[in-house]
N, C-alpha and C. Protein backbone atom coordinates (compact mmCIF):
# COMPACT_ATOMS: atom_id res chain seq x y z
N MET A 1 -13.96 -9.90 -10.56
CA MET A 1 -13.01 -10.43 -9.60
C MET A 1 -11.58 -10.24 -10.09
N TRP A 2 -11.33 -10.57 -11.35
CA TRP A 2 -9.97 -10.47 -11.86
C TRP A 2 -9.51 -9.03 -11.98
N LYS A 3 -10.47 -8.11 -12.15
CA LYS A 3 -10.09 -6.70 -12.25
C LYS A 3 -9.58 -6.16 -10.92
N SER A 4 -10.19 -6.60 -9.84
CA SER A 4 -9.72 -6.13 -8.53
C SER A 4 -8.34 -6.69 -8.20
N VAL A 5 -8.09 -7.93 -8.58
CA VAL A 5 -6.77 -8.53 -8.35
C VAL A 5 -5.72 -7.83 -9.20
N LEU A 6 -6.07 -7.54 -10.45
CA LEU A 6 -5.14 -6.84 -11.34
C LEU A 6 -4.84 -5.44 -10.82
N PHE A 7 -5.88 -4.72 -10.41
CA PHE A 7 -5.67 -3.37 -9.87
C PHE A 7 -4.81 -3.41 -8.62
N SER A 8 -5.11 -4.33 -7.71
CA SER A 8 -4.34 -4.41 -6.46
C SER A 8 -2.88 -4.76 -6.71
N SER A 9 -2.63 -5.68 -7.62
CA SER A 9 -1.25 -6.07 -7.88
C SER A 9 -0.46 -4.95 -8.53
N ILE A 10 -1.09 -4.23 -9.46
CA ILE A 10 -0.40 -3.09 -10.08
C ILE A 10 -0.18 -1.98 -9.07
N TRP A 11 -1.21 -1.67 -8.27
CA TRP A 11 -1.10 -0.61 -7.26
C TRP A 11 0.02 -0.92 -6.26
N ILE A 12 0.02 -2.13 -5.75
CA ILE A 12 1.02 -2.50 -4.74
C ILE A 12 2.41 -2.56 -5.36
N GLY A 13 2.51 -3.05 -6.59
CA GLY A 13 3.80 -3.11 -7.26
C GLY A 13 4.41 -1.74 -7.50
N ILE A 14 3.57 -0.74 -7.72
CA ILE A 14 4.08 0.61 -7.96
C ILE A 14 4.32 1.37 -6.66
N THR A 15 3.39 1.26 -5.71
CA THR A 15 3.46 2.15 -4.55
C THR A 15 4.26 1.61 -3.36
N ILE A 16 4.39 0.32 -3.21
CA ILE A 16 5.14 -0.21 -2.05
C ILE A 16 6.60 0.27 -2.06
N PRO A 17 7.33 0.22 -3.18
CA PRO A 17 8.70 0.76 -3.12
C PRO A 17 8.74 2.25 -2.78
N LEU A 18 7.77 3.01 -3.29
CA LEU A 18 7.73 4.44 -2.97
C LEU A 18 7.43 4.68 -1.50
N VAL A 19 6.46 3.94 -0.97
CA VAL A 19 6.10 4.09 0.44
C VAL A 19 7.27 3.72 1.35
N LEU A 20 7.93 2.62 1.03
CA LEU A 20 9.06 2.20 1.87
C LEU A 20 10.23 3.17 1.77
N ALA A 21 10.47 3.73 0.59
CA ALA A 21 11.55 4.72 0.46
C ALA A 21 11.25 5.96 1.29
N VAL A 22 10.01 6.41 1.26
CA VAL A 22 9.63 7.59 2.05
C VAL A 22 9.72 7.30 3.54
N ILE A 23 9.20 6.15 3.95
CA ILE A 23 9.22 5.79 5.37
C ILE A 23 10.65 5.66 5.88
N PHE A 24 11.51 4.97 5.14
CA PHE A 24 12.88 4.78 5.62
C PHE A 24 13.68 6.07 5.56
N THR A 25 13.34 6.99 4.66
CA THR A 25 14.01 8.29 4.64
C THR A 25 13.61 9.12 5.85
N ILE A 26 12.33 9.09 6.19
CA ILE A 26 11.86 9.87 7.33
C ILE A 26 12.38 9.30 8.65
N PHE A 27 12.34 7.99 8.79
CA PHE A 27 12.72 7.36 10.06
C PHE A 27 14.17 6.87 10.08
N GLU A 28 15.02 7.37 9.21
CA GLU A 28 16.41 6.92 9.17
C GLU A 28 17.16 7.15 10.48
N PRO A 29 17.02 8.30 11.14
CA PRO A 29 17.73 8.45 12.42
C PRO A 29 17.27 7.45 13.48
N LEU A 30 16.00 7.14 13.48
CA LEU A 30 15.47 6.18 14.45
C LEU A 30 15.96 4.76 14.14
N LEU A 31 16.03 4.44 12.85
CA LEU A 31 16.46 3.10 12.46
C LEU A 31 17.96 2.89 12.60
N ALA A 32 18.73 3.97 12.65
CA ALA A 32 20.18 3.85 12.78
C ALA A 32 20.58 3.28 14.14
N PHE A 33 19.77 3.52 15.16
CA PHE A 33 20.10 3.04 16.50
C PHE A 33 19.65 1.60 16.75
N ASP A 34 18.79 1.07 15.89
CA ASP A 34 18.29 -0.29 16.08
C ASP A 34 19.22 -1.26 15.36
N THR A 35 19.94 -2.08 16.09
CA THR A 35 20.87 -3.02 15.47
C THR A 35 20.23 -4.36 15.12
N SER A 36 19.08 -4.66 15.71
CA SER A 36 18.47 -5.97 15.47
C SER A 36 17.61 -6.00 14.21
N GLY A 37 17.07 -4.88 13.80
CA GLY A 37 16.23 -4.83 12.62
C GLY A 37 14.75 -5.05 12.90
N ILE A 38 14.39 -5.27 14.15
CA ILE A 38 12.99 -5.49 14.51
C ILE A 38 12.16 -4.25 14.24
N LEU A 39 12.69 -3.10 14.59
CA LEU A 39 11.97 -1.84 14.37
C LEU A 39 11.74 -1.60 12.88
N MET A 40 12.72 -1.95 12.06
CA MET A 40 12.57 -1.80 10.62
C MET A 40 11.45 -2.69 10.09
N LEU A 41 11.38 -3.92 10.57
CA LEU A 41 10.32 -4.82 10.14
C LEU A 41 8.94 -4.33 10.57
N ILE A 42 8.85 -3.78 11.77
CA ILE A 42 7.56 -3.27 12.26
C ILE A 42 7.11 -2.08 11.44
N ILE A 43 8.03 -1.15 11.18
CA ILE A 43 7.69 0.03 10.38
C ILE A 43 7.32 -0.37 8.96
N MET A 44 8.04 -1.35 8.40
CA MET A 44 7.74 -1.82 7.06
C MET A 44 6.37 -2.49 7.00
N ALA A 45 6.01 -3.26 8.01
CA ALA A 45 4.70 -3.91 8.04
C ALA A 45 3.57 -2.89 8.16
N ILE A 46 3.77 -1.87 8.99
CA ILE A 46 2.74 -0.83 9.14
C ILE A 46 2.56 -0.08 7.82
N GLY A 47 3.65 0.23 7.14
CA GLY A 47 3.56 0.91 5.84
C GLY A 47 2.87 0.06 4.79
N ALA A 48 3.17 -1.23 4.77
CA ALA A 48 2.55 -2.13 3.79
C ALA A 48 1.06 -2.31 4.07
N ILE A 49 0.69 -2.44 5.33
CA ILE A 49 -0.72 -2.59 5.68
C ILE A 49 -1.49 -1.32 5.32
N GLY A 50 -0.89 -0.17 5.57
CA GLY A 50 -1.54 1.09 5.19
C GLY A 50 -1.72 1.21 3.69
N ASP A 51 -0.73 0.77 2.93
CA ASP A 51 -0.83 0.83 1.47
C ASP A 51 -1.89 -0.12 0.94
N ILE A 52 -1.98 -1.31 1.50
CA ILE A 52 -3.01 -2.27 1.07
C ILE A 52 -4.39 -1.75 1.43
N TYR A 53 -4.53 -1.14 2.60
CA TYR A 53 -5.81 -0.55 2.99
C TYR A 53 -6.21 0.56 2.02
N LEU A 54 -5.26 1.40 1.65
CA LEU A 54 -5.55 2.47 0.69
C LEU A 54 -5.95 1.90 -0.67
N ALA A 55 -5.31 0.82 -1.10
CA ALA A 55 -5.65 0.20 -2.38
C ALA A 55 -7.08 -0.35 -2.36
N THR A 56 -7.49 -0.97 -1.26
CA THR A 56 -8.85 -1.49 -1.20
C THR A 56 -9.87 -0.37 -1.14
N ARG A 57 -9.55 0.73 -0.46
CA ARG A 57 -10.47 1.88 -0.42
C ARG A 57 -10.62 2.50 -1.81
N ILE A 58 -9.52 2.63 -2.54
CA ILE A 58 -9.59 3.20 -3.88
C ILE A 58 -10.35 2.27 -4.80
N TRP A 59 -10.13 0.95 -4.71
CA TRP A 59 -10.86 0.02 -5.57
C TRP A 59 -12.35 0.04 -5.27
N THR A 60 -12.72 0.15 -4.00
CA THR A 60 -14.14 0.24 -3.65
C THR A 60 -14.77 1.48 -4.25
N TRP A 61 -14.04 2.59 -4.24
CA TRP A 61 -14.54 3.83 -4.83
C TRP A 61 -14.70 3.67 -6.35
N ILE A 62 -13.71 3.06 -7.01
CA ILE A 62 -13.79 2.84 -8.46
C ILE A 62 -14.95 1.92 -8.79
N GLU A 63 -15.11 0.85 -8.02
CA GLU A 63 -16.20 -0.09 -8.25
C GLU A 63 -17.56 0.58 -8.09
N TYR A 64 -17.69 1.44 -7.10
CA TYR A 64 -18.94 2.18 -6.90
C TYR A 64 -19.23 3.08 -8.09
N LYS A 65 -18.21 3.77 -8.59
CA LYS A 65 -18.41 4.65 -9.74
C LYS A 65 -18.81 3.86 -10.98
N LEU A 66 -18.20 2.70 -11.20
CA LEU A 66 -18.55 1.88 -12.35
C LEU A 66 -19.96 1.32 -12.22
N TYR A 67 -20.35 0.93 -11.02
CA TYR A 67 -21.70 0.42 -10.80
C TYR A 67 -22.73 1.52 -11.01
N LYS A 68 -22.40 2.71 -10.59
CA LYS A 68 -23.30 3.84 -10.75
C LYS A 68 -23.50 4.19 -12.22
N ARG A 69 -22.47 3.99 -13.03
CA ARG A 69 -22.56 4.26 -14.47
C ARG A 69 -23.06 3.07 -15.27
N LYS A 70 -23.44 2.00 -14.58
CA LYS A 70 -23.94 0.77 -15.20
C LYS A 70 -22.87 0.03 -16.01
N HIS A 71 -21.61 0.18 -15.62
CA HIS A 71 -20.52 -0.59 -16.20
C HIS A 71 -20.17 -1.67 -15.19
N TYR A 72 -20.93 -2.72 -15.16
CA TYR A 72 -20.79 -3.73 -14.12
C TYR A 72 -19.51 -4.51 -14.27
N MET A 73 -19.08 -5.05 -13.16
CA MET A 73 -17.86 -5.85 -13.15
C MET A 73 -18.19 -7.16 -13.79
């Protein structure tokens, strides 16, 4: 249990700033016209949800490989 929490926290701590930098660089012209910031929050939430989904998929794959090698959690 603690290994999955540790992996998720390290993964999210490293990749969320990178994901947000890429997203805001790509969508900068679109975000320049939005004065309220709602669009920025929506794009940021979608990017964060996608990153968390990817982290859980990678952890499931790692856990399967460890179980297959008899290195149980």
